[in-house]
Amino acid sequence: MTESWTIDGDHLAPGEVVASLRARIGDGHLETWLTSSCGRSLAFVTNTERAMVMLLNEEGDPGEHAVDPAAEGESGGFVLSNGQNDDYADADTVPIEGAFRIVEHVVREGSWPPDAHHVSDH
């Protein structure tokens, strides 16, 4: 079975995911959850410059997240849908253009891009 992904119940073609994320950011939605037909979830939370990208295999899974091992410092402004405003270490986020590329690859291929650094949160 081919895995398909949705945002808020709307089906996404792999080529549409970045445009959808950009539109949501433009509308002020900095947290987006993509849901897979296989039960996986992909979280994208941004402050418009960097993004936290997490892939969870099932409900309750601590998952994996993209990292930027060379990054230093901390960034704020990661606003969740419940209004919570989070700060993350820059090493635990990636520049937003890289995050778009990662999400698009996961939606298209079902896995992390080979060159994307990520760590298990288990």
PDB file of N, CA and C in Angstrom:
ATOM      1  N   MET A   1       0.847  -1.186   0.000  1.00  0.00           N
ATOM      2  CA  MET A   1       0.000   0.000   0.000  1.00  0.00           C
ATOM      3  C   MET A   1       0.889   1.244   0.000  1.00  0.00           C
ATOM      4  N   THR A   2       0.550   2.193  -0.829  1.00  0.00           N
ATOM      5  CA  THR A   2       1.263   3.459  -0.872  1.00  0.00           C
ATOM      6  C   THR A   2       0.764   4.355   0.262  1.00  0.00           C
ATOM      7  N   GLU A   3       1.695   4.928   0.974  1.00  0.00           N
ATOM      8  CA  GLU A   3       1.354   5.813   2.088  1.00  0.00           C
ATOM      9  C   GLU A   3       0.906   7.154   1.531  1.00  0.00           C
ATOM     10  N   SER A   4      -0.183   7.669   2.069  1.00  0.00           N
ATOM     11  CA  SER A   4      -0.632   9.016   1.699  1.00  0.00           C
ATOM     12  C   SER A   4      -0.704   9.861   2.960  1.00  0.00           C
ATOM     13  N   TRP A   5      -0.660  11.172   2.769  1.00  0.00           N
ATOM     14  CA  TRP A   5      -0.599  12.097   3.900  1.00  0.00           C
ATOM     15  C   TRP A   5      -1.706  13.142   3.791  1.00  0.00           C
ATOM     16  N   THR A   6      -2.170  13.609   4.952  1.00  0.00           N
ATOM     17  CA  THR A   6      -3.184  14.656   5.013  1.00  0.00           C
ATOM     18  C   THR A   6      -2.762  15.724   6.012  1.00  0.00           C
ATOM     19  N   ILE A   7      -3.305  16.919   5.818  1.00  0.00           N
ATOM     20  CA  ILE A   7      -3.247  17.997   6.803  1.00  0.00           C
ATOM     21  C   ILE A   7      -4.687  18.373   7.080  1.00  0.00           C
ATOM     22  N   ASP A   8      -5.095  18.265   8.324  1.00  0.00           N
ATOM     23  CA  ASP A   8      -6.479  18.556   8.714  1.00  0.00           C
ATOM     24  C   ASP A   8      -7.477  17.816   7.836  1.00  0.00           C
ATOM     25  N   GLY A   9      -7.161  16.571   7.485  1.00  0.00           N
ATOM     26  CA  GLY A   9      -8.064  15.747   6.700  1.00  0.00           C
ATOM     27  C   GLY A   9      -8.001  15.957   5.197  1.00  0.00           C
ATOM     28  N   ASP A  10      -7.248  16.967   4.749  1.00  0.00           N
ATOM     29  CA  ASP A  10      -7.118  17.235   3.313  1.00  0.00           C
ATOM     30  C   ASP A  10      -5.930  16.467   2.762  1.00  0.00           C
ATOM     31  N   HIS A  11      -6.183  15.625   1.745  1.00  0.00           N
ATOM     32  CA  HIS A  11      -5.128  14.822   1.130  1.00  0.00           C
ATOM     33  C   HIS A  11      -4.108  15.720   0.445  1.00  0.00           C
ATOM     34  N   LEU A  12      -2.824  15.330   0.563  1.00  0.00           N
ATOM     35  CA  LEU A  12      -1.732  16.084  -0.047  1.00  0.00           C
ATOM     36  C   LEU A  12      -0.990  15.227  -1.060  1.00  0.00           C
ATOM     37  N   ALA A  13      -0.745  15.773  -2.218  1.00  0.00           N
ATOM     38  CA  ALA A  13       0.205  15.151  -3.131  1.00  0.00           C
ATOM     39  C   ALA A  13       1.588  15.601  -2.668  1.00  0.00           C
ATOM     40  N   PRO A  14       2.619  14.764  -2.858  1.00  0.00           N
ATOM     41  CA  PRO A  14       3.959  15.158  -2.389  1.00  0.00           C
ATOM     42  C   PRO A  14       4.385  16.538  -2.880  1.00  0.00           C
ATOM     43  N   GLY A  15       4.045  16.893  -4.088  1.00  0.00           N
ATOM     44  CA  GLY A  15       4.436  18.191  -4.624  1.00  0.00           C
ATOM     45  C   GLY A  15       3.679  19.365  -4.032  1.00  0.00           C
ATOM     46  N   GLU A  16       2.653  19.094  -3.240  1.00  0.00           N
ATOM     47  CA  GLU A  16       1.835  20.158  -2.652  1.00  0.00           C
ATOM     48  C   GLU A  16       2.220  20.501  -1.219  1.00  0.00           C
ATOM     49  N   VAL A  17       3.023  19.663  -0.594  1.00  0.00           N
ATOM     50  CA  VAL A  17       3.246  19.806   0.841  1.00  0.00           C
ATOM     51  C   VAL A  17       3.937  21.114   1.196  1.00  0.00           C
ATOM     52  N   VAL A  18       4.949  21.516   0.451  1.00  0.00           N
ATOM     53  CA  VAL A  18       5.664  22.753   0.799  1.00  0.00           C
ATOM     54  C   VAL A  18       4.764  23.961   0.599  1.00  0.00           C
ATOM     55  N   ALA A  19       4.004  23.993  -0.483  1.00  0.00           N
ATOM     56  CA  ALA A  19       3.081  25.108  -0.716  1.00  0.00           C
ATOM     57  C   ALA A  19       2.035  25.166   0.395  1.00  0.00           C
ATOM     58  N   SER A  20       1.563  24.015   0.841  1.00  0.00           N
ATOM     59  CA  SER A  20       0.581  23.978   1.932  1.00  0.00           C
ATOM     60  C   SER A  20       1.181  24.503   3.226  1.00  0.00           C
ATOM     61  N   LEU A  21       2.412  24.079   3.530  1.00  0.00           N
ATOM     62  CA  LEU A  21       3.064  24.582   4.745  1.00  0.00           C
ATOM     63  C   LEU A  21       3.304  26.083   4.668  1.00  0.00           C
ATOM     64  N   ARG A  22       3.768  26.559   3.512  1.00  0.00           N
ATOM     65  CA  ARG A  22       3.992  28.009   3.351  1.00  0.00           C
ATOM     66  C   ARG A  22       2.684  28.791   3.527  1.00  0.00           C
ATOM     67  N   ALA A  23       1.594  28.280   2.974  1.00  0.00           N
ATOM     68  CA  ALA A  23       0.291  28.956   3.103  1.00  0.00           C
ATOM     69  C   ALA A  23      -0.151  28.981   4.561  1.00  0.00           C
ATOM     70  N   ARG A  24       0.032  27.879   5.260  1.00  0.00           N
ATOM     71  CA  ARG A  24      -0.353  27.830   6.673  1.00  0.00           C
ATOM     72  C   ARG A  24       0.481  28.815   7.494  1.00  0.00           C
ATOM     73  N   ILE A  25       1.783  28.884   7.220  1.00  0.00           N
ATOM     74  CA  ILE A  25       2.640  29.841   7.924  1.00  0.00           C
ATOM     75  C   ILE A  25       2.169  31.262   7.626  1.00  0.00           C
ATOM     76  N   GLY A  26       1.850  31.533   6.365  1.00  0.00           N
ATOM     77  CA  GLY A  26       1.343  32.856   5.978  1.00  0.00           C
ATOM     78  C   GLY A  26       0.060  33.225   6.698  1.00  0.00           C
ATOM     79  N   ASP A  27      -0.735  32.208   7.051  1.00  0.00           N
ATOM     80  CA  ASP A  27      -1.981  32.425   7.789  1.00  0.00           C
ATOM     81  C   ASP A  27      -1.773  32.439   9.299  1.00  0.00           C
ATOM     82  N   GLY A  28      -0.507  32.325   9.732  1.00  0.00           N
ATOM     83  CA  GLY A  28      -0.203  32.373  11.158  1.00  0.00           C
ATOM     84  C   GLY A  28      -0.206  31.031  11.863  1.00  0.00           C
ATOM     85  N   HIS A  29      -0.323  29.927  11.120  1.00  0.00           N
ATOM     86  CA  HIS A  29      -0.302  28.588  11.720  1.00  0.00           C
ATOM     87  C   HIS A  29       1.134  28.075  11.698  1.00  0.00           C
ATOM     88  N   LEU A  30       1.815  28.177  12.835  1.00  0.00           N
ATOM     89  CA  LEU A  30       3.220  27.799  12.909  1.00  0.00           C
ATOM     90  C   LEU A  30       3.413  26.338  13.299  1.00  0.00           C
ATOM     91  N   GLU A  31       2.342  25.661  13.698  1.00  0.00           N
ATOM     92  CA  GLU A  31       2.385  24.231  14.018  1.00  0.00           C
ATOM     93  C   GLU A  31       1.474  23.496  13.042  1.00  0.00           C
ATOM     94  N   THR A  32       2.017  22.482  12.383  1.00  0.00           N
ATOM     95  CA  THR A  32       1.242  21.667  11.454  1.00  0.00           C
ATOM     96  C   THR A  32       1.541  20.202  11.720  1.00  0.00           C
ATOM     97  N   TRP A  33       0.490  19.407  11.779  1.00  0.00           N
ATOM     98  CA  TRP A  33       0.626  17.954  11.911  1.00  0.00           C
ATOM     99  C   TRP A  33       0.128  17.316  10.631  1.00  0.00           C
ATOM    100  N   LEU A  34       0.980  16.511  10.021  1.00  0.00           N
ATOM    101  CA  LEU A  34       0.605  15.721   8.860  1.00  0.00           C
ATOM    102  C   LEU A  34       0.335  14.310   9.359  1.00  0.00           C
ATOM    103  N   THR A  35      -0.721  13.695   8.850  1.00  0.00           N
ATOM    104  CA  THR A  35      -1.122  12.364   9.271  1.00  0.00           C
ATOM    105  C   THR A  35      -1.043  11.415   8.089  1.00  0.00           C
ATOM    106  N   SER A  36      -0.442  10.269   8.320  1.00  0.00           N
ATOM    107  CA  SER A  36      -0.239   9.259   7.280  1.00  0.00           C
ATOM    108  C   SER A  36      -1.353   8.223   7.297  1.00  0.00           C
ATOM    109  N   SER A  37      -1.629   7.667   6.127  1.00  0.00           N
ATOM    110  CA  SER A  37      -2.602   6.578   6.022  1.00  0.00           C
ATOM    111  C   SER A  37      -2.115   5.321   6.730  1.00  0.00           C
ATOM    112  N   CYS A  38      -0.837   5.268   7.081  1.00  0.00           N
ATOM    113  CA  CYS A  38      -0.248   4.129   7.795  1.00  0.00           C
ATOM    114  C   CYS A  38      -0.181   4.361   9.299  1.00  0.00           C
ATOM    115  N   GLY A  39      -0.765   5.453   9.777  1.00  0.00           N
ATOM    116  CA  GLY A  39      -0.794   5.730  11.210  1.00  0.00           C
ATOM    117  C   GLY A  39       0.364   6.554  11.731  1.00  0.00           C
ATOM    118  N   ARG A  40       1.243   6.996  10.852  1.00  0.00           N
ATOM    119  CA  ARG A  40       2.371   7.821  11.295  1.00  0.00           C
ATOM    120  C   ARG A  40       1.958   9.292  11.328  1.00  0.00           C
ATOM    121  N   SER A  41       2.727  10.085  12.069  1.00  0.00           N
ATOM    122  CA  SER A  41       2.501  11.523  12.159  1.00  0.00           C
ATOM    123  C   SER A  41       3.808  12.254  11.908  1.00  0.00           C
ATOM    124  N   LEU A  42       3.710  13.389  11.265  1.00  0.00           N
ATOM    125  CA  LEU A  42       4.865  14.227  10.985  1.00  0.00           C
ATOM    126  C   LEU A  42       4.533  15.626  11.482  1.00  0.00           C
ATOM    127  N   ALA A  43       5.308  16.101  12.451  1.00  0.00           N
ATOM    128  CA  ALA A  43       5.074  17.423  13.036  1.00  0.00           C
ATOM    129  C   ALA A  43       6.054  18.422  12.435  1.00  0.00           C
ATOM    130  N   PHE A  44       5.543  19.614  12.190  1.00  0.00           N
ATOM    131  CA  PHE A  44       6.345  20.719  11.661  1.00  0.00           C
ATOM    132  C   PHE A  44       5.971  21.932  12.493  1.00  0.00           C
ATOM    133  N   VAL A  45       6.921  22.435  13.285  1.00  0.00           N
ATOM    134  CA  VAL A  45       6.692  23.624  14.111  1.00  0.00           C
ATOM    135  C   VAL A  45       7.798  24.612  13.775  1.00  0.00           C
ATOM    136  N   THR A  46       7.424  25.839  13.430  1.00  0.00           N
ATOM    137  CA  THR A  46       8.409  26.806  12.973  1.00  0.00           C
ATOM    138  C   THR A  46       8.261  28.146  13.673  1.00  0.00           C
ATOM    139  N   ASN A  47       9.349  28.900  13.646  1.00  0.00           N
ATOM    140  CA  ASN A  47       9.314  30.303  14.045  1.00  0.00           C
ATOM    141  C   ASN A  47       9.536  31.177  12.810  1.00  0.00           C
ATOM    142  N   THR A  48       9.395  30.608  11.655  1.00  0.00           N
ATOM    143  CA  THR A  48       9.557  31.153  10.298  1.00  0.00           C
ATOM    144  C   THR A  48      11.005  31.208   9.839  1.00  0.00           C
ATOM    145  N   GLU A  49      11.967  30.952  10.724  1.00  0.00           N
ATOM    146  CA  GLU A  49      13.380  30.895  10.336  1.00  0.00           C
ATOM    147  C   GLU A  49      13.945  29.486  10.496  1.00  0.00           C
ATOM    148  N   ARG A  50      13.537  28.799  11.540  1.00  0.00           N
ATOM    149  CA  ARG A  50      13.969  27.428  11.811  1.00  0.00           C
ATOM    150  C   ARG A  50      12.716  26.601  12.064  1.00  0.00           C
ATOM    151  N   ALA A  51      12.862  25.274  12.009  1.00  0.00           N
ATOM    152  CA  ALA A  51      11.699  24.419  12.255  1.00  0.00           C
ATOM    153  C   ALA A  51      12.110  23.156  12.997  1.00  0.00           C
ATOM    154  N   MET A  52      11.226  22.705  13.854  1.00  0.00           N
ATOM    155  CA  MET A  52      11.333  21.411  14.510  1.00  0.00           C
ATOM    156  C   MET A  52      10.529  20.453  13.635  1.00  0.00           C
ATOM    157  N   VAL A  53      11.166  19.385  13.180  1.00  0.00           N
ATOM    158  CA  VAL A  53      10.499  18.379  12.359  1.00  0.00           C
ATOM    159  C   VAL A  53      10.606  17.055  13.094  1.00  0.00           C
ATOM    160  N   MET A  54       9.448  16.462  13.437  1.00  0.00           N
ATOM    161  CA  MET A  54       9.411  15.204  14.181  1.00  0.00           C
ATOM    162  C   MET A  54       8.597  14.175  13.406  1.00  0.00           C
ATOM    163  N   LEU A  55       9.075  12.946  13.374  1.00  0.00           N
ATOM    164  CA  LEU A  55       8.370  11.845  12.740  1.00  0.00           C
ATOM    165  C   LEU A  55       8.061  10.803  13.801  1.00  0.00           C
ATOM    166  N   LEU A  56       6.775  10.480  13.953  1.00  0.00           N
ATOM    167  CA  LEU A  56       6.324   9.503  14.938  1.00  0.00           C
ATOM    168  C   LEU A  56       5.685   8.334  14.194  1.00  0.00           C
ATOM    169  N   ASN A  57       6.055   7.117  14.559  1.00  0.00           N
ATOM    170  CA  ASN A  57       5.544   5.936  13.858  1.00  0.00           C
ATOM    171  C   ASN A  57       4.128   5.552  14.250  1.00  0.00           C
ATOM    172  N   GLU A  58       3.712   5.932  15.442  1.00  0.00           N
ATOM    173  CA  GLU A  58       2.369   5.616  15.918  1.00  0.00           C
ATOM    174  C   GLU A  58       2.059   6.509  17.111  1.00  0.00           C
ATOM    175  N   GLU A  59       0.807   6.518  17.527  1.00  0.00           N
ATOM    176  CA  GLU A  59       0.420   7.313  18.684  1.00  0.00           C
ATOM    177  C   GLU A  59       1.196   6.825  19.906  1.00  0.00           C
ATOM    178  N   GLY A  60       1.744   7.752  20.667  1.00  0.00           N
ATOM    179  CA  GLY A  60       2.513   7.422  21.857  1.00  0.00           C
ATOM    180  C   GLY A  60       3.994   7.196  21.601  1.00  0.00           C
ATOM    181  N   ASP A  61       4.389   7.115  20.328  1.00  0.00           N
ATOM    182  CA  ASP A  61       5.794   6.936  19.979  1.00  0.00           C
ATOM    183  C   ASP A  61       6.534   8.247  20.244  1.00  0.00           C
ATOM    184  N   PRO A  62       7.681   8.208  20.960  1.00  0.00           N
ATOM    185  CA  PRO A  62       8.434   9.440  21.155  1.00  0.00           C
ATOM    186  C   PRO A  62       9.046   9.955  19.863  1.00  0.00           C
ATOM    187  N   GLY A  63       9.239   9.068  18.875  1.00  0.00           N
ATOM    188  CA  GLY A  63       9.643   9.477  17.545  1.00  0.00           C
ATOM    189  C   GLY A  63      11.104   9.834  17.380  1.00  0.00           C
ATOM    190  N   GLU A  64      11.337  10.540  16.277  1.00  0.00           N
ATOM    191  CA  GLU A  64      12.653  11.035  15.893  1.00  0.00           C
ATOM    192  C   GLU A  64      12.483  12.476  15.456  1.00  0.00           C
ATOM    193  N   HIS A  65      13.553  13.264  15.580  1.00  0.00           N
ATOM    194  CA  HIS A  65      13.460  14.632  15.081  1.00  0.00           C
ATOM    195  C   HIS A  65      14.738  15.033  14.358  1.00  0.00           C
ATOM    196  N   ALA A  66      14.580  15.950  13.408  1.00  0.00           N
ATOM    197  CA  ALA A  66      15.704  16.464  12.629  1.00  0.00           C
ATOM    198  C   ALA A  66      16.571  17.333  13.520  1.00  0.00           C
ATOM    199  N   VAL A  67      17.884  17.252  13.304  1.00  0.00           N
ATOM    200  CA  VAL A  67      18.825  18.049  14.084  1.00  0.00           C
ATOM    201  C   VAL A  67      19.822  18.736  13.162  1.00  0.00           C
ATOM    202  N   ASP A  68      20.437  19.775  13.698  1.00  0.00           N
ATOM    203  CA  ASP A  68      21.481  20.538  13.016  1.00  0.00           C
ATOM    204  C   ASP A  68      22.689  20.529  13.949  1.00  0.00           C
ATOM    205  N   PRO A  69      23.521  19.476  13.882  1.00  0.00           N
ATOM    206  CA  PRO A  69      24.589  19.293  14.866  1.00  0.00           C
ATOM    207  C   PRO A  69      25.563  20.463  14.987  1.00  0.00           C
ATOM    208  N   ALA A  70      25.731  21.248  13.934  1.00  0.00           N
ATOM    209  CA  ALA A  70      26.687  22.352  13.969  1.00  0.00           C
ATOM    210  C   ALA A  70      26.088  23.638  14.544  1.00  0.00           C
ATOM    211  N   ALA A  71      24.784  23.654  14.738  1.00  0.00           N
ATOM    212  CA  ALA A  71      24.127  24.878  15.206  1.00  0.00           C
ATOM    213  C   ALA A  71      24.407  25.125  16.678  1.00  0.00           C
ATOM    214  N   GLU A  72      24.473  26.392  17.033  1.00  0.00           N
ATOM    215  CA  GLU A  72      24.678  26.797  18.421  1.00  0.00           C
ATOM    216  C   GLU A  72      23.609  27.805  18.798  1.00  0.00           C
ATOM    217  N   GLY A  73      23.315  27.882  20.065  1.00  0.00           N
ATOM    218  CA  GLY A  73      22.357  28.868  20.547  1.00  0.00           C
ATOM    219  C   GLY A  73      20.966  28.294  20.677  1.00  0.00           C
ATOM    220  N   GLU A  74      20.035  29.196  20.824  1.00  0.00           N
ATOM    221  CA  GLU A  74      18.635  28.848  21.048  1.00  0.00           C
ATOM    222  C   GLU A  74      17.766  29.859  20.326  1.00  0.00           C
ATOM    223  N   SER A  75      16.613  29.404  19.855  1.00  0.00           N
ATOM    224  CA  SER A  75      15.665  30.299  19.193  1.00  0.00           C
ATOM    225  C   SER A  75      14.300  30.152  19.834  1.00  0.00           C
ATOM    226  N   GLY A  76      13.557  31.233  19.858  1.00  0.00           N
ATOM    227  CA  GLY A  76      12.193  31.225  20.378  1.00  0.00           C
ATOM    228  C   GLY A  76      11.201  31.481  19.271  1.00  0.00           C
ATOM    229  N   GLY A  77       9.959  31.647  19.667  1.00  0.00           N
ATOM    230  CA  GLY A  77       8.917  31.982  18.706  1.00  0.00           C
ATOM    231  C   GLY A  77       8.256  30.795  18.044  1.00  0.00           C
ATOM    232  N   PHE A  78       8.457  29.599  18.596  1.00  0.00           N
ATOM    233  CA  PHE A  78       7.791  28.412  18.071  1.00  0.00           C
ATOM    234  C   PHE A  78       6.428  28.321  18.757  1.00  0.00           C
ATOM    235  N   VAL A  79       5.407  28.871  18.104  1.00  0.00           N
ATOM    236  CA  VAL A  79       4.087  28.992  18.713  1.00  0.00           C
ATOM    237  C   VAL A  79       3.230  27.789  18.321  1.00  0.00           C
ATOM    238  N   LEU A  80       2.802  27.053  19.337  1.00  0.00           N
ATOM    239  CA  LEU A  80       1.956  25.879  19.118  1.00  0.00           C
ATOM    240  C   LEU A  80       0.503  26.304  18.949  1.00  0.00           C
ATOM    241  N   SER A  81      -0.311  25.392  18.443  1.00  0.00           N
ATOM    242  CA  SER A  81      -1.716  25.718  18.182  1.00  0.00           C
ATOM    243  C   SER A  81      -2.493  26.043  19.454  1.00  0.00           C
ATOM    244  N   ASN A  82      -1.998  25.594  20.616  1.00  0.00           N
ATOM    245  CA  ASN A  82      -2.667  25.918  21.879  1.00  0.00           C
ATOM    246  C   ASN A  82      -2.201  27.254  22.461  1.00  0.00           C
ATOM    247  N   GLY A  83      -1.343  27.976  21.713  1.00  0.00           N
ATOM    248  CA  GLY A  83      -0.860  29.274  22.156  1.00  0.00           C
ATOM    249  C   GLY A  83       0.465  29.224  22.897  1.00  0.00           C
ATOM    250  N   GLN A  84       0.917  28.034  23.252  1.00  0.00           N
ATOM    251  CA  GLN A  84       2.200  27.887  23.951  1.00  0.00           C
ATOM    252  C   GLN A  84       3.323  28.363  23.042  1.00  0.00           C
ATOM    253  N   ASN A  85       4.232  29.160  23.597  1.00  0.00           N
ATOM    254  CA  ASN A  85       5.359  29.710  22.846  1.00  0.00           C
ATOM    255  C   ASN A  85       6.632  29.045  23.349  1.00  0.00           C
ATOM    256  N   ASP A  86       7.236  28.201  22.501  1.00  0.00           N
ATOM    257  CA  ASP A  86       8.393  27.414  22.920  1.00  0.00           C
ATOM    258  C   ASP A  86       9.706  27.980  22.396  1.00  0.00           C
ATOM    259  N   ASP A  87      10.768  27.692  23.136  1.00  0.00           N
ATOM    260  CA  ASP A  87      12.145  27.939  22.711  1.00  0.00           C
ATOM    261  C   ASP A  87      12.784  26.570  22.505  1.00  0.00           C
ATOM    262  N   TYR A  88      13.635  26.448  21.478  1.00  0.00           N
ATOM    263  CA  TYR A  88      14.354  25.206  21.227  1.00  0.00           C
ATOM    264  C   TYR A  88      15.826  25.525  20.998  1.00  0.00           C
ATOM    265  N   ALA A  89      16.668  24.589  21.393  1.00  0.00           N
ATOM    266  CA  ALA A  89      18.080  24.687  21.032  1.00  0.00           C
ATOM    267  C   ALA A  89      18.163  24.622  19.512  1.00  0.00           C
ATOM    268  N   ASP A  90      18.994  25.482  18.908  1.00  0.00           N
ATOM    269  CA  ASP A  90      19.112  25.472  17.448  1.00  0.00           C
ATOM    270  C   ASP A  90      19.588  24.120  16.929  1.00  0.00           C
ATOM    271  N   ALA A  91      20.341  23.386  17.739  1.00  0.00           N
ATOM    272  CA  ALA A  91      20.788  22.053  17.320  1.00  0.00           C
ATOM    273  C   ALA A  91      19.622  21.078  17.178  1.00  0.00           C
ATOM    274  N   ASP A  92      18.471  21.366  17.808  1.00  0.00           N
ATOM    275  CA  ASP A  92      17.290  20.504  17.724  1.00  0.00           C
ATOM    276  C   ASP A  92      16.289  20.971  16.673  1.00  0.00           C
ATOM    277  N   THR A  93      16.678  21.966  15.898  1.00  0.00           N
ATOM    278  CA  THR A  93      15.849  22.459  14.802  1.00  0.00           C
ATOM    279  C   THR A  93      16.733  22.562  13.561  1.00  0.00           C
ATOM    280  N   VAL A  94      16.110  22.836  12.435  1.00  0.00           N
ATOM    281  CA  VAL A  94      16.857  23.007  11.183  1.00  0.00           C
ATOM    282  C   VAL A  94      16.367  24.280  10.503  1.00  0.00           C
ATOM    283  N   PRO A  95      17.207  24.893   9.653  1.00  0.00           N
ATOM    284  CA  PRO A  95      16.737  26.056   8.898  1.00  0.00           C
ATOM    285  C   PRO A  95      15.480  25.691   8.106  1.00  0.00           C
ATOM    286  N   ILE A  96      14.575  26.648   7.975  1.00  0.00           N
ATOM    287  CA  ILE A  96      13.251  26.344   7.438  1.00  0.00           C
ATOM    288  C   ILE A  96      13.285  25.742   6.027  1.00  0.00           C
ATOM    289  N   GLU A  97      14.168  26.205   5.161  1.00  0.00           N
ATOM    290  CA  GLU A  97      14.213  25.629   3.811  1.00  0.00           C
ATOM    291  C   GLU A  97      14.620  24.158   3.864  1.00  0.00           C
ATOM    292  N   GLY A  98      15.548  23.819   4.749  1.00  0.00           N
ATOM    293  CA  GLY A  98      15.918  22.422   4.938  1.00  0.00           C
ATOM    294  C   GLY A  98      14.763  21.611   5.505  1.00  0.00           C
ATOM    295  N   ALA A  99      13.993  22.227   6.394  1.00  0.00           N
ATOM    296  CA  ALA A  99      12.833  21.546   6.973  1.00  0.00           C
ATOM    297  C   ALA A  99      11.794  21.247   5.895  1.00  0.00           C
ATOM    298  N   PHE A 100      11.554  22.205   4.999  1.00  0.00           N
ATOM    299  CA  PHE A 100      10.620  21.954   3.894  1.00  0.00           C
ATOM    300  C   PHE A 100      11.093  20.764   3.065  1.00  0.00           C
ATOM    301  N   ARG A 101      12.381  20.703   2.783  1.00  0.00           N
ATOM    302  CA  ARG A 101      12.944  19.619   1.979  1.00  0.00           C
ATOM    303  C   ARG A 101      12.770  18.279   2.695  1.00  0.00           C
ATOM    304  N   ILE A 102      12.995  18.259   4.006  1.00  0.00           N
ATOM    305  CA  ILE A 102      12.845  17.031   4.783  1.00  0.00           C
ATOM    306  C   ILE A 102      11.398  16.555   4.744  1.00  0.00           C
ATOM    307  N   VAL A 103      10.462  17.455   5.009  1.00  0.00           N
ATOM    308  CA  VAL A 103       9.048  17.075   5.027  1.00  0.00           C
ATOM    309  C   VAL A 103       8.624  16.570   3.654  1.00  0.00           C
ATOM    310  N   GLU A 104       9.015  17.264   2.611  1.00  0.00           N
ATOM    311  CA  GLU A 104       8.647  16.830   1.261  1.00  0.00           C
ATOM    312  C   GLU A 104       9.198  15.430   0.971  1.00  0.00           C
ATOM    313  N   HIS A 105      10.432  15.156   1.387  1.00  0.00           N
ATOM    314  CA  HIS A 105      11.030  13.845   1.159  1.00  0.00           C
ATOM    315  C   HIS A 105      10.288  12.760   1.936  1.00  0.00           C
ATOM    316  N   VAL A 106       9.956  13.015   3.192  1.00  0.00           N
ATOM    317  CA  VAL A 106       9.233  12.027   3.992  1.00  0.00           C
ATOM    318  C   VAL A 106       7.881  11.733   3.359  1.00  0.00           C
ATOM    319  N   VAL A 107       7.176  12.759   2.895  1.00  0.00           N
ATOM    320  CA  VAL A 107       5.874  12.561   2.271  1.00  0.00           C
ATOM    321  C   VAL A 107       6.005  11.784   0.964  1.00  0.00           C
ATOM    322  N   ARG A 108       7.040  12.064   0.204  1.00  0.00           N
ATOM    323  CA  ARG A 108       7.241  11.403  -1.096  1.00  0.00           C
ATOM    324  C   ARG A 108       7.813   9.992  -0.957  1.00  0.00           C
ATOM    325  N   GLU A 109       8.818   9.831  -0.083  1.00  0.00           N
ATOM    326  CA  GLU A 109       9.562   8.571  -0.007  1.00  0.00           C
ATOM    327  C   GLU A 109       9.252   7.723   1.236  1.00  0.00           C
ATOM    328  N   GLY A 110       8.658   8.347   2.254  1.00  0.00           N
ATOM    329  CA  GLY A 110       8.333   7.609   3.468  1.00  0.00           C
ATOM    330  C   GLY A 110       9.457   7.509   4.479  1.00  0.00           C
ATOM    331  N   SER A 111      10.574   8.194   4.200  1.00  0.00           N
ATOM    332  CA  SER A 111      11.728   8.121   5.104  1.00  0.00           C
ATOM    333  C   SER A 111      12.481   9.439   5.110  1.00  0.00           C
ATOM    334  N   TRP A 112      13.394   9.556   6.075  1.00  0.00           N
ATOM    335  CA  TRP A 112      14.246  10.736   6.147  1.00  0.00           C
ATOM    336  C   TRP A 112      15.119  10.806   4.899  1.00  0.00           C
ATOM    337  N   PRO A 113      15.439  11.991   4.417  1.00  0.00           N
ATOM    338  CA  PRO A 113      16.431  12.089   3.346  1.00  0.00           C
ATOM    339  C   PRO A 113      17.764  11.519   3.832  1.00  0.00           C
ATOM    340  N   PRO A 114      18.519  10.855   2.960  1.00  0.00           N
ATOM    341  CA  PRO A 114      19.773  10.234   3.392  1.00  0.00           C
ATOM    342  C   PRO A 114      20.761  11.209   4.032  1.00  0.00           C
ATOM    343  N   ASP A 115      20.724  12.475   3.628  1.00  0.00           N
ATOM    344  CA  ASP A 115      21.678  13.450   4.157  1.00  0.00           C
ATOM    345  C   ASP A 115      21.141  14.258   5.335  1.00  0.00           C
ATOM    346  N   ALA A 116      19.931  13.963   5.772  1.00  0.00           N
ATOM    347  CA  ALA A 116      19.339  14.708   6.890  1.00  0.00           C
ATOM    348  C   ALA A 116      19.745  14.071   8.214  1.00  0.00           C
ATOM    349  N   HIS A 117      20.275  14.891   9.096  1.00  0.00           N
ATOM    350  CA  HIS A 117      20.618  14.397  10.433  1.00  0.00           C
ATOM    351  C   HIS A 117      19.339  14.320  11.262  1.00  0.00           C
ATOM    352  N   HIS A 118      19.170  13.221  11.962  1.00  0.00           N
ATOM    353  CA  HIS A 118      18.024  13.072  12.861  1.00  0.00           C
ATOM    354  C   HIS A 118      18.417  12.161  14.005  1.00  0.00           C
ATOM    355  N   VAL A 119      17.721  12.319  15.114  1.00  0.00           N
ATOM    356  CA  VAL A 119      17.997  11.520  16.300  1.00  0.00           C
ATOM    357  C   VAL A 119      16.706  10.896  16.812  1.00  0.00           C
ATOM    358  N   SER A 120      16.849   9.760  17.444  1.00  0.00           N
ATOM    359  CA  SER A 120      15.719   9.079  18.058  1.00  0.00           C
ATOM    360  C   SER A 120      15.427   9.728  19.407  1.00  0.00           C
ATOM    361  N   ASP A 121      14.175   9.905  19.705  1.00  0.00           N
ATOM    362  CA  ASP A 121      13.774  10.470  20.992  1.00  0.00           C
ATOM    363  C   ASP A 121      13.372   9.378  21.989  1.00  0.00           C
ATOM    364  N   HIS A 122      13.691   8.124  21.664  1.00  0.00           N
ATOM    365  CA  HIS A 122      13.364   7.005  22.544  1.00  0.00           C
ATOM    366  C   HIS A 122      14.223   7.033  23.778  1.00  0.00           C
TER     367      HIS A 122
END
